[in-house]
Amino acid sequence: MPELPDLAILTDALHAALAGRAVTAAAAPAPLAVRGTPAELAGLDGQRLNAVRRRGKFVWLYLERDRIAINPMLTGRLQLAPPDRPRPPATAVVLAFGGRHEGPADAAAWTHGAPWLPLDDAAAELRYRDPTQMGKVYLVPAGLVRAVPGAAEGELGPDADDPALTLEVWRARIRDHPGELKNLLRNQAFVAGIGNAYSDEILHAAGLLPYRKRASLAAEEVDELYRATRTVLGDAVAVLRERVPPTFEKQVRDFLAVHNRGGGQCPRCGTRLTEVTAGGSATTYCRGCQR
């Protein structure tokens, strides 16, 4: 499942590559992935894309008039490609874009001069692929109230990398969210953007067991969990900037310290890592140095 670091890289790249271009065609080869009507999809044609942003685990496309929300969930992936490149199997939605005069002034610094960026006068396609159609693409036309499940402000806490999420705000928010630590980090109403893989990484970095109760944390452990969250996510973004482009549909996780490495050695203390699978999701942790 794409998480905050994956989507941060993706949205930076898509904004740099596509903002300022106009939609020249919109198609849904797998219409079950779309929440919206064929007329609403056709209505995207001609609208200029102003921005691509991330909120939690959602990718938002802001057009001149309408908006699009993409929730990839477990199996959805996005591809940036020239129109003549064959579309991958299970392509569900395609947005074709024309050329532009110049890229957006607010493109992320790390994208400047990137060799994978399409030339401004060249066409490009954004393709959403999902073999299970578990993820969804929500069309939100201007003036229409359409719910995007999981994306309402009441359902999303601050993004885990939001500068406004200070240590003081973290301390206040965590008091209102009980339960086990792994579930807490994955609770999008607490902080948004963290999923199964990075919750394991954050808890390992903080030295905390995933099944500990939030109420059992000492004040210094609450603070360490905050620091680990910031550090792990920031370090992952830096790695992914180097390793993901131009294949943004690829999910790179081989650099993670513990997640999905059950049976291997803890990189910090050498203890054999424990892995528990429940509901199709693996939790990996170290009994030696996580408390």
Protein backbone atom coordinates (compact mmCIF):
# COMPACT_ATOMS: atom_id res chain seq x y z
CA MET A 1 0.00 0.00 0.00
CA PRO A 2 1.43 3.41 -0.89
CA GLU A 3 2.17 5.44 2.24
CA LEU A 4 3.26 9.00 2.91
CA PRO A 5 6.85 8.70 1.58
CA ASP A 6 5.71 6.94 -1.61
CA LEU A 7 2.97 9.49 -2.27
CA ALA A 8 5.12 12.49 -1.35
CA ILE A 9 7.55 11.56 -4.13
CA LEU A 10 4.75 10.79 -6.55
CA THR A 11 2.83 14.02 -6.03
CA ASP A 12 5.98 16.14 -6.24
CA ALA A 13 6.81 14.46 -9.54
CA LEU A 14 3.32 14.68 -11.01
CA HIS A 15 2.97 18.32 -10.06
CA ALA A 16 6.32 19.15 -11.68
CA ALA A 17 5.49 17.12 -14.79
CA LEU A 18 1.83 17.97 -15.37
CA ALA A 19 0.78 21.23 -13.72
CA GLY A 20 -0.01 23.83 -16.36
CA ARG A 21 -1.05 21.25 -18.96
CA ALA A 22 -4.60 20.84 -20.21
CA VAL A 23 -6.44 17.53 -20.33
CA THR A 24 -6.85 16.41 -23.95
CA ALA A 25 -8.67 13.15 -23.26
CA ALA A 26 -9.99 11.17 -20.28
CA ALA A 27 -10.86 7.48 -20.43
CA ALA A 28 -11.80 4.73 -17.98
CA PRO A 29 -10.96 1.30 -19.47
CA ALA A 30 -12.04 -0.21 -16.12
CA PRO A 31 -15.02 1.95 -15.13
CA LEU A 32 -15.63 0.15 -11.83
CA ALA A 33 -12.60 1.99 -10.47
CA VAL A 34 -14.29 5.37 -11.07
CA ARG A 35 -16.80 7.09 -8.83
CA GLY A 36 -18.44 9.50 -11.24
CA THR A 37 -20.42 9.50 -14.46
CA PRO A 38 -19.17 9.19 -18.06
CA ALA A 39 -20.36 12.76 -18.64
CA GLU A 40 -18.28 13.99 -15.69
CA LEU A 41 -15.24 12.14 -17.02
CA ALA A 42 -15.73 13.66 -20.48
CA GLY A 43 -16.12 17.06 -18.83
CA LEU A 44 -12.47 16.99 -17.77
CA ASP A 45 -11.41 17.49 -21.39
CA GLY A 46 -9.92 20.93 -21.91
CA GLN A 47 -9.46 21.77 -18.24
CA ARG A 48 -5.99 22.84 -17.18
CA LEU A 49 -4.37 21.04 -14.26
CA ASN A 50 -3.38 23.59 -11.65
CA ALA A 51 -1.84 21.39 -8.96
CA VAL A 52 -1.24 17.85 -7.72
CA ARG A 53 -1.22 17.47 -3.94
CA ARG A 54 -1.19 14.74 -1.30
CA ARG A 55 -3.45 14.56 1.73
CA GLY A 56 -3.03 11.48 3.88
CA LYS A 57 -3.02 8.53 1.50
CA PHE A 58 -4.96 10.40 -1.19
CA VAL A 59 -3.63 12.04 -4.35
CA TRP A 60 -5.63 15.12 -5.34
CA LEU A 61 -5.66 16.68 -8.80
CA TYR A 62 -6.90 20.27 -8.86
CA LEU A 63 -8.17 21.26 -12.28
CA GLU A 64 -9.44 24.64 -13.42
CA ARG A 65 -12.99 23.69 -12.47
CA ASP A 66 -13.15 20.17 -11.09
CA ARG A 67 -11.14 17.99 -8.72
CA ILE A 68 -10.08 14.35 -8.79
CA ALA A 69 -9.23 12.28 -5.69
CA ILE A 70 -7.29 9.04 -6.08
CA ASN A 71 -7.15 6.50 -3.26
CA PRO A 72 -4.80 3.71 -4.45
CA MET A 73 -5.43 1.50 -1.40
CA LEU A 74 -3.56 -1.83 -1.58
CA THR A 75 -3.03 -2.41 -5.29
CA GLY A 76 -3.45 0.89 -7.11
CA ARG A 77 -0.43 2.48 -8.80
CA LEU A 78 0.11 5.60 -10.91
CA GLN A 79 2.30 5.84 -13.99
CA LEU A 80 3.61 8.90 -15.83
CA ALA A 81 4.34 7.97 -19.43
CA PRO A 82 4.54 9.26 -23.01
CA PRO A 83 1.39 8.46 -25.01
CA ASP A 84 3.20 6.01 -27.30
CA ARG A 85 4.34 3.75 -24.45
CA PRO A 86 2.12 0.64 -24.16
CA ARG A 87 -0.28 0.84 -21.27
CA PRO A 88 0.28 -1.76 -18.54
CA PRO A 89 -2.30 -4.47 -17.86
CA ALA A 90 -5.19 -3.50 -15.57
CA THR A 91 -4.99 0.19 -16.53
CA ALA A 92 -8.23 1.58 -15.11
CA VAL A 93 -8.11 5.33 -15.82
CA VAL A 94 -6.08 7.40 -18.29
CA LEU A 95 -5.74 11.19 -18.38
CA ALA A 96 -3.96 12.52 -21.47
CA PHE A 97 -2.30 15.94 -21.30
CA GLY A 98 -1.02 18.26 -23.98
CA GLY A 99 2.10 20.44 -23.92
CA ARG A 100 2.69 23.62 -21.94
CA HIS A 101 4.87 26.72 -22.08
CA GLU A 102 6.77 26.08 -18.84
CA GLY A 103 6.60 24.09 -15.63
CA PRO A 104 5.09 25.32 -12.36
CA ALA A 105 7.06 27.85 -10.37
CA ASP A 106 6.36 25.94 -7.16
CA ALA A 107 7.74 22.59 -8.36
CA ALA A 108 9.70 20.80 -5.62
CA ALA A 109 13.40 21.69 -5.74
CA TRP A 110 14.47 18.07 -6.11
CA THR A 111 12.58 17.80 -9.42
CA HIS A 112 14.39 20.73 -11.08
CA GLY A 113 16.19 19.52 -14.19
CA ALA A 114 15.09 15.92 -13.66
CA PRO A 115 15.76 13.86 -16.82
CA TRP A 116 12.49 11.95 -16.41
CA LEU A 117 10.33 15.08 -16.73
CA PRO A 118 8.49 15.21 -20.08
CA LEU A 119 9.51 18.16 -22.23
CA ASP A 120 7.11 21.07 -21.96
CA ASP A 121 6.06 20.81 -25.60
CA ALA A 122 5.52 17.03 -25.39
CA ALA A 123 2.28 15.26 -24.53
CA ALA A 124 2.08 13.00 -21.48
CA GLU A 125 -0.30 10.53 -19.88
CA LEU A 126 -1.21 9.86 -16.27
CA ARG A 127 -2.35 6.27 -15.88
CA TYR A 128 -3.98 4.68 -12.87
CA ARG A 129 -3.51 0.90 -12.78
CA ASP A 130 -5.26 -1.40 -10.33
CA PRO A 131 -5.54 -5.18 -10.95
CA THR A 132 -8.10 -5.63 -8.16
CA GLN A 133 -9.93 -2.31 -8.63
CA MET A 134 -9.83 -2.04 -4.84
CA GLY A 135 -8.66 1.56 -5.07
CA LYS A 136 -10.91 4.25 -6.44
CA VAL A 137 -10.76 7.43 -8.53
CA TYR A 138 -13.34 9.98 -7.39
CA LEU A 139 -14.52 12.69 -9.77
CA VAL A 140 -15.59 15.80 -7.86
CA PRO A 141 -17.14 18.29 -10.30
CA ALA A 142 -17.40 21.92 -9.22
CA GLY A 143 -20.65 22.64 -7.40
CA LEU A 144 -21.38 18.98 -6.68
CA VAL A 145 -21.18 17.56 -3.17
CA ARG A 146 -19.69 14.08 -3.51
CA ALA A 147 -18.27 12.28 -0.51
CA VAL A 148 -14.76 10.87 -0.80
CA PRO A 149 -14.71 8.16 1.88
CA GLY A 150 -11.83 8.59 4.28
CA ALA A 151 -10.89 12.06 3.05
CA ALA A 152 -13.19 14.29 5.06
CA GLU A 153 -11.45 16.63 7.48
CA GLY A 154 -13.10 14.85 10.40
CA GLU A 155 -11.63 11.56 9.17
CA LEU A 156 -8.07 12.83 8.68
CA GLY A 157 -5.73 14.17 11.30
CA PRO A 158 -2.77 16.34 10.32
CA ASP A 159 -0.34 14.78 7.86
CA ALA A 160 2.48 13.08 9.72
CA ASP A 161 5.02 15.37 8.01
CA ASP A 162 3.02 18.58 8.43
CA PRO A 163 5.23 21.33 9.94
CA ALA A 164 2.19 22.39 11.97
CA LEU A 165 2.29 19.03 13.74
CA THR A 166 4.71 20.21 16.40
CA LEU A 167 5.77 18.19 19.40
CA GLU A 168 3.28 20.12 21.53
CA VAL A 169 0.43 19.34 19.11
CA TRP A 170 1.52 15.68 19.01
CA ARG A 171 1.43 15.45 22.81
CA ALA A 172 -2.07 16.92 22.90
CA ARG A 173 -3.42 14.71 20.11
CA ILE A 174 -2.00 11.44 21.39
CA ARG A 175 -3.88 11.85 24.67
CA ASP A 176 -7.15 11.59 22.75
CA HIS A 177 -6.26 8.37 20.89
CA PRO A 178 -6.00 5.19 22.97
CA GLY A 179 -5.11 1.69 21.88
CA GLU A 180 -2.06 -0.25 20.72
CA LEU A 181 0.78 1.75 19.26
CA LYS A 182 0.80 0.21 15.79
CA ASN A 183 -2.92 0.78 15.42
CA LEU A 184 -2.47 4.30 16.73
CA LEU A 185 0.09 5.18 14.05
CA ARG A 186 -2.13 3.67 11.36
CA ASN A 187 -5.18 5.58 12.59
CA GLN A 188 -5.64 8.27 9.95
CA ALA A 189 -7.73 10.34 12.36
CA PHE A 190 -4.68 10.63 14.64
CA VAL A 191 -2.10 11.43 11.97
CA ALA A 192 -2.52 10.85 8.26
CA GLY A 193 -0.29 9.01 5.81
CA ILE A 194 1.23 6.15 7.84
CA GLY A 195 0.37 2.53 7.03
CA ASN A 196 1.57 -0.95 7.83
CA ALA A 197 5.19 -0.74 6.68
CA TYR A 198 6.20 2.61 8.11
CA SER A 199 4.43 2.02 11.42
CA ASP A 200 6.80 -0.95 11.92
CA GLU A 201 9.78 1.24 11.01
CA ILE A 202 8.76 4.09 13.30
CA LEU A 203 8.18 1.82 16.28
CA HIS A 204 11.51 0.11 15.77
CA ALA A 205 13.28 3.47 15.56
CA ALA A 206 11.52 4.58 18.75
CA GLY A 207 12.33 1.31 20.54
CA LEU A 208 8.66 0.61 21.27
CA LEU A 209 6.71 -2.64 20.85
CA PRO A 210 3.78 -2.50 18.42
CA TYR A 211 1.35 -4.05 20.92
CA ARG A 212 2.06 -1.63 23.75
CA LYS A 213 -0.85 0.50 24.87
CA ARG A 214 -0.60 4.22 24.36
CA ALA A 215 -1.60 4.72 28.00
CA SER A 216 1.55 2.87 29.11
CA LEU A 217 3.91 5.40 27.51
CA ALA A 218 6.03 7.65 29.66
CA ALA A 219 6.31 11.29 28.63
CA GLU A 220 9.77 10.75 27.15
CA GLU A 221 8.46 7.80 25.10
CA VAL A 222 5.69 9.96 23.64
CA ASP A 223 8.34 12.44 22.57
CA GLU A 224 10.60 9.74 21.16
CA LEU A 225 7.71 8.37 19.08
CA TYR A 226 7.27 11.83 17.58
CA ARG A 227 10.97 12.16 16.78
CA ALA A 228 11.05 8.67 15.25
CA THR A 229 8.02 9.48 13.09
CA ARG A 230 9.65 12.58 11.68
CA THR A 231 13.05 10.96 11.18
CA VAL A 232 11.85 7.71 9.58
CA LEU A 233 9.50 9.43 7.15
CA GLY A 234 12.01 12.13 6.24
CA ASP A 235 14.80 9.62 5.66
CA ALA A 236 12.51 7.46 3.51
CA VAL A 237 11.54 10.41 1.32
CA ALA A 238 15.23 11.19 0.74
CA VAL A 239 15.92 7.59 -0.31
CA LEU A 240 12.91 7.39 -2.60
CA ARG A 241 13.79 10.61 -4.40
CA GLU A 242 16.98 8.90 -5.51
CA ARG A 243 15.59 5.46 -6.28
CA VAL A 244 12.02 5.74 -7.57
CA PRO A 245 11.99 8.04 -10.65
CA PRO A 246 11.09 7.52 -13.39
CA THR A 247 9.12 4.35 -12.56
CA PHE A 248 6.72 5.91 -10.07
CA GLU A 249 4.47 2.86 -10.08
CA LYS A 250 7.31 0.91 -8.46
CA GLN A 251 7.15 0.55 -4.66
CA VAL A 252 10.65 0.50 -3.15
CA ARG A 253 10.83 -0.99 0.34
CA ASP A 254 14.07 -2.99 0.36
CA PHE A 255 15.88 -0.31 2.40
CA LEU A 256 13.54 -0.61 5.39
CA ALA A 257 15.16 -1.77 8.63
CA VAL A 258 12.65 -4.34 9.89
CA HIS A 259 9.36 -4.48 7.99
CA ASN A 260 8.89 -7.84 6.25
CA ARG A 261 12.29 -8.99 7.51
CA GLY A 262 10.98 -11.51 10.05
CA GLY A 263 13.59 -14.14 10.93
CA GLY A 264 16.45 -11.83 10.05
CA GLN A 265 18.71 -9.97 12.45
CA CYS A 266 17.76 -6.69 14.06
CA PRO A 267 20.11 -4.07 12.60
CA ARG A 268 20.40 -2.42 16.01
CA CYS A 269 20.93 -5.29 18.47
CA GLY A 270 21.24 -8.47 16.39
CA THR A 271 18.23 -10.22 17.91
CA ARG A 272 16.16 -12.38 15.57
CA LEU A 273 13.22 -10.31 14.31
CA THR A 274 9.71 -11.50 15.11
CA GLU A 275 6.99 -11.32 12.48
CA VAL A 276 3.27 -11.82 13.08
CA THR A 277 0.74 -11.89 10.23
CA ALA A 278 -2.91 -11.09 10.86
CA GLY A 279 -5.53 -10.20 8.30
CA GLY A 280 -2.96 -10.35 5.50
CA SER A 281 -0.74 -7.69 7.11
CA ALA A 282 2.66 -8.44 8.62
CA THR A 283 3.94 -6.80 11.79
CA THR A 284 7.70 -7.06 12.29
CA TYR A 285 9.52 -6.07 15.47
CA CYS A 286 12.47 -6.87 17.72
CA ARG A 287 11.95 -8.44 21.12
CA GLY A 288 15.50 -7.49 22.06
CA CYS A 289 15.46 -3.70 21.80
CA GLN A 290 11.80 -2.72 21.53
CA ARG A 291 10.10 -2.33 24.89
